[in-house]
C-alpha cells in the first residue's frame, strides 16, 4: 500500500507538473498537448535512466507513462471546476447540503477512477521492470519525497487532495 501511495504521488506529480509547466493561457490546445507529451516523455526517459532500463524497457516505460498522463490530464481542470463549485456552495446565503454532498460523491468517484488508472499503470510498469529495478524506482521516489519536504514526492498533487487547490494548504 505504501509503494502504491508513493507511486501514485509520483505519477500524479508527472501530470500536475507537466500540466502546470506546459499549459499557458495563450497556447493553442494542440501546442499544450504536444508540449505536455514532450515533457512527460522526457520525465519517463529520466525515470528509465534512474532504474537502468534497457532500450526495450525504456520504450515500454515511455508508452505506459504517456498513456497514463493522457488519461489523467483532465483531472486538474475537473478539480478546479469542483473547487469553484465548492466555493459557490459554501458562499451561498443558505448552505445547500444536497449540492455539497453531490460534489463530495463526485469527487470520491473521480478519485476512485483515477486511483484505478494509476494502479493499472503501476502494474504495467512492474511487469516491465525487474525486482532490482523496482527497488531502484522505490528508492528514487523516496528521495524525491524527502527533497520535496517529505510529502511523498508531490506538492499536494496540484490540488488532487479534494476541493482545495493547494493540497490542503
N, C-alpha and C. Protein backbone atom coordinates (compact mmCIF):
# COMPACT_ATOMS: atom_id res chain seq x y z
N UNK A 1 0.83 -1.20 0.00
CA UNK A 1 0.00 0.00 0.00
C UNK A 1 0.86 1.25 0.00
N UNK A 2 1.96 1.23 0.76
CA UNK A 2 2.84 2.40 0.82
C UNK A 2 3.46 2.64 -0.55
N UNK A 3 3.92 1.57 -1.21
CA UNK A 3 4.51 1.72 -2.54
C UNK A 3 3.48 2.27 -3.50
N UNK A 4 2.24 1.78 -3.41
CA UNK A 4 1.18 2.27 -4.28
C UNK A 4 0.93 3.76 -4.03
N UNK A 5 0.89 4.16 -2.78
CA UNK A 5 0.67 5.58 -2.46
C UNK A 5 1.80 6.46 -2.96
N UNK A 6 3.03 5.99 -2.77
CA UNK A 6 4.19 6.76 -3.23
C UNK A 6 4.18 6.85 -4.75
N UNK A 7 3.93 5.73 -5.40
CA UNK A 7 3.92 5.72 -6.85
C UNK A 7 2.77 6.57 -7.39
N UNK A 8 1.64 6.55 -6.71
CA UNK A 8 0.51 7.40 -7.14
C UNK A 8 0.89 8.86 -7.04
N UNK A 9 1.58 9.22 -5.97
CA UNK A 9 2.05 10.60 -5.85
C UNK A 9 3.03 10.95 -6.94
N UNK A 10 3.90 10.01 -7.26
CA UNK A 10 4.88 10.21 -8.32
C UNK A 10 4.19 10.40 -9.66
N UNK A 11 3.24 9.52 -9.98
CA UNK A 11 2.52 9.62 -11.25
C UNK A 11 1.67 10.89 -11.28
N UNK A 12 1.02 11.19 -10.17
CA UNK A 12 0.24 12.42 -10.09
C UNK A 12 1.12 13.64 -10.28
N UNK A 13 2.31 13.56 -9.74
CA UNK A 13 3.27 14.64 -9.92
C UNK A 13 3.64 14.82 -11.37
N UNK A 14 3.77 13.71 -12.13
CA UNK A 14 4.03 13.81 -13.56
C UNK A 14 2.98 14.68 -14.23
N UNK A 15 1.75 14.33 -14.00
CA UNK A 15 0.66 15.03 -14.66
C UNK A 15 0.58 16.47 -14.19
N UNK A 16 0.62 16.68 -12.90
CA UNK A 16 0.49 18.01 -12.34
C UNK A 16 1.60 18.93 -12.81
N UNK A 17 2.84 18.46 -12.73
CA UNK A 17 3.98 19.28 -13.14
C UNK A 17 3.93 19.54 -14.64
N UNK A 18 3.63 18.52 -15.40
CA UNK A 18 3.56 18.69 -16.85
C UNK A 18 2.47 19.69 -17.20
N UNK A 19 1.33 19.57 -16.56
CA UNK A 19 0.22 20.48 -16.83
C UNK A 19 0.59 21.90 -16.46
N UNK A 20 1.14 22.08 -15.29
CA UNK A 20 1.47 23.42 -14.80
C UNK A 20 2.51 24.09 -15.67
N UNK A 21 3.51 23.34 -16.12
CA UNK A 21 4.58 23.93 -16.91
C UNK A 21 4.19 24.13 -18.36
N UNK A 22 3.31 23.35 -18.88
CA UNK A 22 3.04 23.37 -20.31
C UNK A 22 1.72 24.03 -20.70
N UNK A 23 0.90 24.43 -19.75
CA UNK A 23 -0.41 24.99 -20.09
C UNK A 23 -0.45 26.49 -19.79
N UNK A 24 -0.19 27.25 -20.81
CA UNK A 24 -0.24 28.69 -20.70
C UNK A 24 -1.49 29.18 -21.41
N UNK A 25 -2.11 30.26 -20.93
CA UNK A 25 -3.38 30.72 -21.50
C UNK A 25 -3.31 31.07 -22.98
N UNK A 26 -2.16 31.50 -23.46
CA UNK A 26 -2.06 31.94 -24.85
C UNK A 26 -1.71 30.80 -25.81
N UNK A 27 -1.49 29.60 -25.32
CA UNK A 27 -1.13 28.47 -26.18
C UNK A 27 -2.38 27.80 -26.73
N UNK A 28 -2.26 27.30 -27.96
CA UNK A 28 -3.37 26.54 -28.53
C UNK A 28 -3.43 25.18 -27.83
N UNK A 29 -4.59 24.53 -27.93
CA UNK A 29 -4.74 23.22 -27.32
C UNK A 29 -3.75 22.22 -27.90
N UNK A 30 -3.50 22.30 -29.21
CA UNK A 30 -2.55 21.39 -29.85
C UNK A 30 -1.14 21.61 -29.31
N UNK A 31 -0.75 22.88 -29.14
CA UNK A 31 0.57 23.19 -28.58
C UNK A 31 0.68 22.71 -27.15
N UNK A 32 -0.39 22.92 -26.37
CA UNK A 32 -0.38 22.47 -24.98
C UNK A 32 -0.21 20.96 -24.91
N UNK A 33 -0.96 20.26 -25.73
CA UNK A 33 -0.92 18.80 -25.73
C UNK A 33 0.46 18.30 -26.16
N UNK A 34 1.01 18.91 -27.19
CA UNK A 34 2.32 18.49 -27.68
C UNK A 34 3.41 18.75 -26.64
N UNK A 35 3.37 19.91 -26.00
CA UNK A 35 4.38 20.24 -25.00
C UNK A 35 4.25 19.34 -23.77
N UNK A 36 3.01 19.06 -23.37
CA UNK A 36 2.82 18.17 -22.23
C UNK A 36 3.34 16.78 -22.57
N UNK A 37 3.05 16.30 -23.78
CA UNK A 37 3.52 15.00 -24.21
C UNK A 37 5.05 14.95 -24.21
N UNK A 38 5.69 16.01 -24.69
CA UNK A 38 7.15 16.07 -24.70
C UNK A 38 7.70 16.04 -23.28
N UNK A 39 7.07 16.79 -22.40
CA UNK A 39 7.54 16.86 -21.02
C UNK A 39 7.38 15.50 -20.33
N UNK A 40 6.25 14.87 -20.51
CA UNK A 40 6.00 13.57 -19.89
C UNK A 40 6.98 12.53 -20.46
N UNK A 41 7.22 12.59 -21.76
CA UNK A 41 8.17 11.66 -22.38
C UNK A 41 9.57 11.86 -21.80
N UNK A 42 9.98 13.11 -21.65
CA UNK A 42 11.29 13.41 -21.07
C UNK A 42 11.38 12.87 -19.63
N UNK A 43 10.33 13.06 -18.86
CA UNK A 43 10.32 12.57 -17.48
C UNK A 43 10.36 11.04 -17.44
N UNK A 44 9.63 10.39 -18.35
CA UNK A 44 9.61 8.93 -18.39
C UNK A 44 10.99 8.39 -18.77
N UNK A 45 11.65 9.06 -19.70
CA UNK A 45 13.01 8.64 -20.08
C UNK A 45 13.97 8.82 -18.92
N UNK A 46 13.79 9.90 -18.18
CA UNK A 46 14.62 10.12 -17.00
C UNK A 46 14.39 8.99 -15.99
N UNK A 47 13.16 8.63 -15.79
CA UNK A 47 12.82 7.52 -14.90
C UNK A 47 13.50 6.24 -15.37
N UNK A 48 13.47 5.99 -16.67
CA UNK A 48 14.09 4.79 -17.23
C UNK A 48 15.59 4.76 -16.95
N UNK A 49 16.23 5.91 -17.06
CA UNK A 49 17.67 6.01 -16.77
C UNK A 49 17.93 5.72 -15.30
N UNK A 50 17.08 6.25 -14.43
CA UNK A 50 17.25 6.06 -12.98
C UNK A 50 17.21 4.60 -12.57
N UNK A 51 16.47 3.78 -13.32
CA UNK A 51 16.35 2.36 -12.96
C UNK A 51 17.19 1.46 -13.87
N UNK A 52 18.07 2.08 -14.68
CA UNK A 52 18.94 1.32 -15.59
C UNK A 52 18.13 0.44 -16.54
N UNK A 53 17.10 1.01 -17.13
CA UNK A 53 16.26 0.25 -18.06
C UNK A 53 16.98 0.00 -19.37
N UNK A 54 16.69 -1.13 -19.98
CA UNK A 54 17.21 -1.45 -21.30
C UNK A 54 16.46 -0.58 -22.32
N UNK A 55 16.96 -0.48 -23.54
CA UNK A 55 16.23 0.29 -24.56
C UNK A 55 14.79 -0.22 -24.76
N UNK A 56 14.61 -1.53 -24.72
CA UNK A 56 13.26 -2.10 -24.89
C UNK A 56 12.37 -1.71 -23.72
N UNK A 57 12.91 -1.77 -22.50
CA UNK A 57 12.15 -1.36 -21.33
C UNK A 57 11.82 0.13 -21.41
N UNK A 58 12.79 0.91 -21.85
CA UNK A 58 12.57 2.36 -21.95
C UNK A 58 11.39 2.67 -22.87
N UNK A 59 11.32 2.00 -23.99
CA UNK A 59 10.19 2.22 -24.92
C UNK A 59 8.86 1.90 -24.23
N UNK A 60 8.83 0.80 -23.50
CA UNK A 60 7.60 0.39 -22.81
C UNK A 60 7.25 1.37 -21.69
N UNK A 61 8.26 1.82 -20.94
CA UNK A 61 8.02 2.77 -19.86
C UNK A 61 7.45 4.07 -20.41
N UNK A 62 8.04 4.57 -21.48
CA UNK A 62 7.55 5.81 -22.09
C UNK A 62 6.11 5.64 -22.54
N UNK A 63 5.80 4.53 -23.17
CA UNK A 63 4.43 4.30 -23.65
C UNK A 63 3.43 4.23 -22.49
N UNK A 64 3.80 3.55 -21.42
CA UNK A 64 2.91 3.42 -20.26
C UNK A 64 2.68 4.78 -19.61
N UNK A 65 3.76 5.53 -19.38
CA UNK A 65 3.64 6.82 -18.71
C UNK A 65 2.87 7.82 -19.58
N UNK A 66 3.15 7.84 -20.89
CA UNK A 66 2.43 8.76 -21.78
C UNK A 66 0.94 8.44 -21.80
N UNK A 67 0.60 7.18 -21.83
CA UNK A 67 -0.80 6.77 -21.83
C UNK A 67 -1.50 7.20 -20.54
N UNK A 68 -0.84 6.95 -19.42
CA UNK A 68 -1.43 7.35 -18.13
C UNK A 68 -1.58 8.86 -18.05
N UNK A 69 -0.56 9.59 -18.46
CA UNK A 69 -0.62 11.05 -18.40
C UNK A 69 -1.76 11.58 -19.27
N UNK A 70 -1.92 10.99 -20.43
CA UNK A 70 -3.01 11.42 -21.32
C UNK A 70 -4.37 11.18 -20.67
N UNK A 71 -4.52 10.01 -20.04
CA UNK A 71 -5.78 9.67 -19.40
C UNK A 71 -6.06 10.53 -18.16
N UNK A 72 -4.99 10.91 -17.46
CA UNK A 72 -5.15 11.63 -16.19
C UNK A 72 -5.10 13.16 -16.34
N UNK A 73 -4.69 13.66 -17.48
CA UNK A 73 -4.55 15.11 -17.67
C UNK A 73 -5.83 15.91 -17.39
N UNK A 74 -7.00 15.43 -17.74
CA UNK A 74 -8.21 16.22 -17.48
C UNK A 74 -8.54 16.41 -16.00
N UNK A 75 -7.86 15.68 -15.13
CA UNK A 75 -8.14 15.75 -13.70
C UNK A 75 -8.03 17.18 -13.17
N UNK A 76 -6.97 17.85 -13.53
CA UNK A 76 -6.71 19.18 -12.97
C UNK A 76 -7.86 20.14 -13.25
N UNK A 77 -8.35 20.14 -14.47
CA UNK A 77 -9.46 21.03 -14.81
C UNK A 77 -10.72 20.63 -14.04
N UNK A 78 -10.97 19.34 -13.94
CA UNK A 78 -12.15 18.88 -13.19
C UNK A 78 -12.05 19.27 -11.72
N UNK A 79 -10.85 19.16 -11.17
CA UNK A 79 -10.67 19.55 -9.77
C UNK A 79 -10.84 21.05 -9.58
N UNK A 80 -10.36 21.82 -10.52
CA UNK A 80 -10.53 23.27 -10.45
C UNK A 80 -12.03 23.62 -10.51
N UNK A 81 -12.75 22.98 -11.41
CA UNK A 81 -14.19 23.22 -11.51
C UNK A 81 -14.90 22.82 -10.22
N UNK A 82 -14.52 21.70 -9.65
CA UNK A 82 -15.14 21.26 -8.39
C UNK A 82 -14.81 22.23 -7.26
N UNK A 83 -13.59 22.72 -7.26
CA UNK A 83 -13.17 23.71 -6.26
C UNK A 83 -14.07 24.96 -6.36
N UNK A 84 -14.29 25.42 -7.57
CA UNK A 84 -15.14 26.60 -7.78
C UNK A 84 -16.58 26.32 -7.35
N UNK A 85 -17.08 25.13 -7.67
CA UNK A 85 -18.44 24.77 -7.25
C UNK A 85 -18.53 24.74 -5.73
N UNK A 86 -17.51 24.18 -5.08
CA UNK A 86 -17.49 24.12 -3.62
C UNK A 86 -17.51 25.51 -3.00
N UNK A 87 -16.72 26.41 -3.57
CA UNK A 87 -16.69 27.79 -3.08
C UNK A 87 -18.07 28.42 -3.24
N UNK A 88 -18.70 28.21 -4.39
CA UNK A 88 -20.03 28.78 -4.63
C UNK A 88 -21.05 28.23 -3.63
N UNK A 89 -21.00 26.94 -3.38
CA UNK A 89 -21.93 26.32 -2.43
C UNK A 89 -21.73 26.89 -1.03
N UNK A 90 -20.48 26.95 -0.61
CA UNK A 90 -20.19 27.43 0.74
C UNK A 90 -20.41 28.93 0.90
N UNK A 91 -20.32 29.66 -0.20
CA UNK A 91 -20.52 31.11 -0.14
C UNK A 91 -21.96 31.55 -0.32
N UNK A 92 -22.84 30.61 -0.57
CA UNK A 92 -24.25 30.95 -0.77
C UNK A 92 -24.88 31.41 0.54
N UNK A 93 -25.97 32.14 0.42
CA UNK A 93 -26.66 32.62 1.61
C UNK A 93 -27.13 31.47 2.49
N UNK A 94 -27.61 30.41 1.82
CA UNK A 94 -28.05 29.23 2.56
C UNK A 94 -27.26 28.03 2.02
N UNK A 95 -26.72 27.23 2.92
CA UNK A 95 -25.93 26.07 2.52
C UNK A 95 -26.85 25.00 1.93
N UNK A 96 -26.52 24.57 0.72
CA UNK A 96 -27.25 23.50 0.05
C UNK A 96 -26.53 22.19 0.34
N UNK A 97 -26.98 21.53 1.39
CA UNK A 97 -26.32 20.30 1.82
C UNK A 97 -26.36 19.22 0.74
N UNK A 98 -27.45 19.15 0.01
CA UNK A 98 -27.56 18.14 -1.05
C UNK A 98 -26.52 18.41 -2.15
N UNK A 99 -26.33 19.67 -2.52
CA UNK A 99 -25.34 20.00 -3.54
C UNK A 99 -23.93 19.72 -3.05
N UNK A 100 -23.67 20.01 -1.79
CA UNK A 100 -22.36 19.74 -1.21
C UNK A 100 -22.09 18.23 -1.17
N UNK A 101 -23.09 17.46 -0.80
CA UNK A 101 -22.95 16.01 -0.78
C UNK A 101 -22.75 15.47 -2.19
N UNK A 102 -23.48 15.99 -3.15
CA UNK A 102 -23.32 15.56 -4.55
C UNK A 102 -21.90 15.83 -5.02
N UNK A 103 -21.36 16.99 -4.69
CA UNK A 103 -20.00 17.34 -5.05
C UNK A 103 -19.00 16.37 -4.40
N UNK A 104 -19.21 16.06 -3.14
CA UNK A 104 -18.34 15.12 -2.44
C UNK A 104 -18.36 13.76 -3.10
N UNK A 105 -19.54 13.26 -3.43
CA UNK A 105 -19.68 11.94 -4.06
C UNK A 105 -18.99 11.94 -5.43
N UNK A 106 -19.15 13.01 -6.19
CA UNK A 106 -18.49 13.11 -7.50
C UNK A 106 -16.97 13.06 -7.34
N UNK A 107 -16.45 13.76 -6.34
CA UNK A 107 -15.01 13.80 -6.11
C UNK A 107 -14.49 12.42 -5.70
N UNK A 108 -15.22 11.73 -4.86
CA UNK A 108 -14.81 10.38 -4.45
C UNK A 108 -14.80 9.44 -5.66
N UNK A 109 -15.81 9.54 -6.50
CA UNK A 109 -15.88 8.69 -7.70
C UNK A 109 -14.72 8.99 -8.64
N UNK A 110 -14.40 10.27 -8.80
CA UNK A 110 -13.30 10.64 -9.68
C UNK A 110 -11.97 10.13 -9.12
N UNK A 111 -11.77 10.29 -7.84
CA UNK A 111 -10.52 9.82 -7.23
C UNK A 111 -10.42 8.29 -7.33
N UNK A 112 -11.55 7.59 -7.18
CA UNK A 112 -11.54 6.14 -7.31
C UNK A 112 -11.15 5.74 -8.73
N UNK A 113 -11.72 6.40 -9.72
CA UNK A 113 -11.39 6.13 -11.11
C UNK A 113 -9.92 6.41 -11.39
N UNK A 114 -9.43 7.52 -10.89
CA UNK A 114 -8.03 7.88 -11.10
C UNK A 114 -7.10 6.89 -10.40
N UNK A 115 -7.48 6.48 -9.21
CA UNK A 115 -6.68 5.52 -8.47
C UNK A 115 -6.59 4.20 -9.23
N UNK A 116 -7.70 3.77 -9.82
CA UNK A 116 -7.69 2.55 -10.61
C UNK A 116 -6.76 2.68 -11.81
N UNK A 117 -6.79 3.85 -12.46
CA UNK A 117 -5.92 4.07 -13.63
C UNK A 117 -4.46 4.07 -13.21
N UNK A 118 -4.14 4.68 -12.09
CA UNK A 118 -2.78 4.68 -11.59
C UNK A 118 -2.32 3.28 -11.22
N UNK A 119 -3.18 2.53 -10.58
CA UNK A 119 -2.83 1.15 -10.20
C UNK A 119 -2.57 0.31 -11.45
N UNK A 120 -3.38 0.52 -12.49
CA UNK A 120 -3.17 -0.19 -13.75
C UNK A 120 -1.79 0.15 -14.32
N UNK A 121 -1.45 1.43 -14.32
CA UNK A 121 -0.15 1.87 -14.84
C UNK A 121 1.00 1.30 -14.01
N UNK A 122 0.82 1.30 -12.70
CA UNK A 122 1.87 0.75 -11.83
C UNK A 122 2.07 -0.74 -12.08
N UNK A 123 1.00 -1.45 -12.27
CA UNK A 123 1.11 -2.88 -12.56
C UNK A 123 1.79 -3.09 -13.91
N UNK A 124 1.44 -2.26 -14.88
CA UNK A 124 2.09 -2.34 -16.19
C UNK A 124 3.58 -2.07 -16.08
N UNK A 125 3.95 -1.04 -15.31
CA UNK A 125 5.37 -0.73 -15.11
C UNK A 125 6.07 -1.87 -14.37
N UNK A 126 5.42 -2.42 -13.37
CA UNK A 126 6.02 -3.51 -12.59
C UNK A 126 6.33 -4.71 -13.47
N UNK A 127 5.47 -4.96 -14.45
CA UNK A 127 5.70 -6.09 -15.35
C UNK A 127 6.88 -5.84 -16.28
N UNK A 128 7.19 -4.58 -16.55
CA UNK A 128 8.29 -4.22 -17.43
C UNK A 128 9.63 -4.27 -16.68
N UNK A 129 9.62 -3.89 -15.40
CA UNK A 129 10.84 -3.78 -14.61
C UNK A 129 11.17 -5.07 -13.88
N UNK A 130 12.44 -5.25 -13.62
CA UNK A 130 12.89 -6.37 -12.80
C UNK A 130 12.69 -6.00 -11.33
N UNK A 131 12.74 -6.97 -10.42
CA UNK A 131 12.64 -6.62 -8.99
C UNK A 131 13.71 -5.62 -8.55
N UNK A 132 14.92 -5.77 -9.05
CA UNK A 132 16.00 -4.83 -8.69
C UNK A 132 15.68 -3.42 -9.21
N UNK A 133 15.13 -3.33 -10.40
CA UNK A 133 14.77 -2.03 -10.96
C UNK A 133 13.62 -1.40 -10.18
N UNK A 134 12.67 -2.22 -9.75
CA UNK A 134 11.56 -1.69 -8.95
C UNK A 134 12.08 -1.14 -7.63
N UNK A 135 13.09 -1.80 -7.06
CA UNK A 135 13.70 -1.31 -5.83
C UNK A 135 14.38 0.04 -6.07
N UNK A 136 15.08 0.17 -7.20
CA UNK A 136 15.71 1.45 -7.55
C UNK A 136 14.66 2.54 -7.70
N UNK A 137 13.55 2.19 -8.33
CA UNK A 137 12.46 3.16 -8.51
C UNK A 137 11.93 3.59 -7.15
N UNK A 138 11.71 2.64 -6.27
CA UNK A 138 11.20 2.97 -4.93
C UNK A 138 12.17 3.89 -4.19
N UNK A 139 13.46 3.62 -4.31
CA UNK A 139 14.46 4.46 -3.66
C UNK A 139 14.47 5.86 -4.26
N UNK A 140 14.35 5.94 -5.58
CA UNK A 140 14.32 7.24 -6.26
C UNK A 140 13.11 8.06 -5.83
N UNK A 141 11.96 7.42 -5.79
CA UNK A 141 10.74 8.11 -5.38
C UNK A 141 10.85 8.57 -3.93
N UNK A 142 11.44 7.74 -3.09
CA UNK A 142 11.62 8.11 -1.69
C UNK A 142 12.50 9.35 -1.57
N UNK A 143 13.59 9.38 -2.32
CA UNK A 143 14.49 10.55 -2.31
C UNK A 143 13.76 11.80 -2.79
N UNK A 144 12.93 11.63 -3.81
CA UNK A 144 12.16 12.77 -4.31
C UNK A 144 11.24 13.30 -3.23
N UNK A 145 10.61 12.39 -2.49
CA UNK A 145 9.71 12.78 -1.41
C UNK A 145 10.44 13.53 -0.33
N UNK A 146 11.63 13.07 0.01
CA UNK A 146 12.42 13.76 1.03
C UNK A 146 12.84 15.13 0.54
N UNK A 147 13.20 15.22 -0.72
CA UNK A 147 13.61 16.50 -1.31
C UNK A 147 12.46 17.50 -1.34
N UNK A 148 11.24 17.00 -1.51
CA UNK A 148 10.06 17.87 -1.62
C UNK A 148 9.41 18.11 -0.27
N UNK A 149 10.09 17.82 0.79
CA UNK A 149 9.54 18.10 2.11
C UNK A 149 8.89 16.91 2.78
N UNK A 150 9.19 15.72 2.31
CA UNK A 150 8.69 14.51 2.97
C UNK A 150 7.23 14.22 2.71
N UNK A 151 6.67 14.78 1.63
CA UNK A 151 5.24 14.57 1.37
C UNK A 151 5.03 13.62 0.20
N UNK A 152 5.84 12.60 0.10
CA UNK A 152 5.61 11.58 -0.92
C UNK A 152 5.98 12.01 -2.32
N UNK A 153 6.82 13.04 -2.47
CA UNK A 153 7.27 13.42 -3.78
C UNK A 153 6.33 14.31 -4.54
N UNK A 154 5.36 14.88 -3.91
CA UNK A 154 4.43 15.76 -4.61
C UNK A 154 4.08 16.94 -3.73
N UNK A 155 3.61 17.95 -4.35
CA UNK A 155 3.18 19.15 -3.61
C UNK A 155 1.67 19.24 -3.69
N UNK A 156 1.02 18.37 -2.98
CA UNK A 156 -0.45 18.39 -2.99
C UNK A 156 -1.01 17.86 -4.30
N UNK A 157 -0.17 17.34 -5.18
CA UNK A 157 -0.57 16.81 -6.47
C UNK A 157 -1.42 17.79 -7.23
N UNK A 158 -1.04 19.06 -7.19
CA UNK A 158 -1.73 20.06 -7.99
C UNK A 158 -3.18 20.22 -7.63
N UNK A 159 -3.51 20.07 -6.37
CA UNK A 159 -4.91 20.22 -5.96
C UNK A 159 -5.64 18.90 -5.93
N UNK A 160 -4.93 17.78 -6.07
CA UNK A 160 -5.60 16.50 -6.12
C UNK A 160 -6.05 16.01 -4.77
N UNK A 161 -5.92 16.84 -3.75
CA UNK A 161 -6.32 16.42 -2.42
C UNK A 161 -7.80 16.65 -2.14
N UNK A 162 -8.58 16.97 -3.12
CA UNK A 162 -10.01 17.19 -2.90
C UNK A 162 -10.42 18.53 -3.46
N UNK A 163 -11.19 19.28 -2.72
CA UNK A 163 -11.68 20.56 -3.23
C UNK A 163 -10.64 21.66 -3.14
N UNK A 164 -9.62 21.52 -2.31
CA UNK A 164 -8.62 22.56 -2.15
C UNK A 164 -7.61 22.56 -3.27
N UNK A 165 -7.33 23.71 -3.84
CA UNK A 165 -6.39 23.82 -4.94
C UNK A 165 -4.95 23.68 -4.49
N UNK A 166 -4.64 23.90 -3.24
CA UNK A 166 -3.25 23.85 -2.80
C UNK A 166 -2.99 22.61 -1.95
N UNK A 167 -3.71 21.56 -2.15
CA UNK A 167 -3.47 20.31 -1.45
C UNK A 167 -3.64 20.45 0.06
N UNK A 168 -4.57 21.27 0.49
CA UNK A 168 -4.86 21.41 1.91
C UNK A 168 -4.16 22.58 2.56
N UNK A 169 -3.36 23.32 1.78
CA UNK A 169 -2.67 24.47 2.34
C UNK A 169 -3.48 25.71 2.24
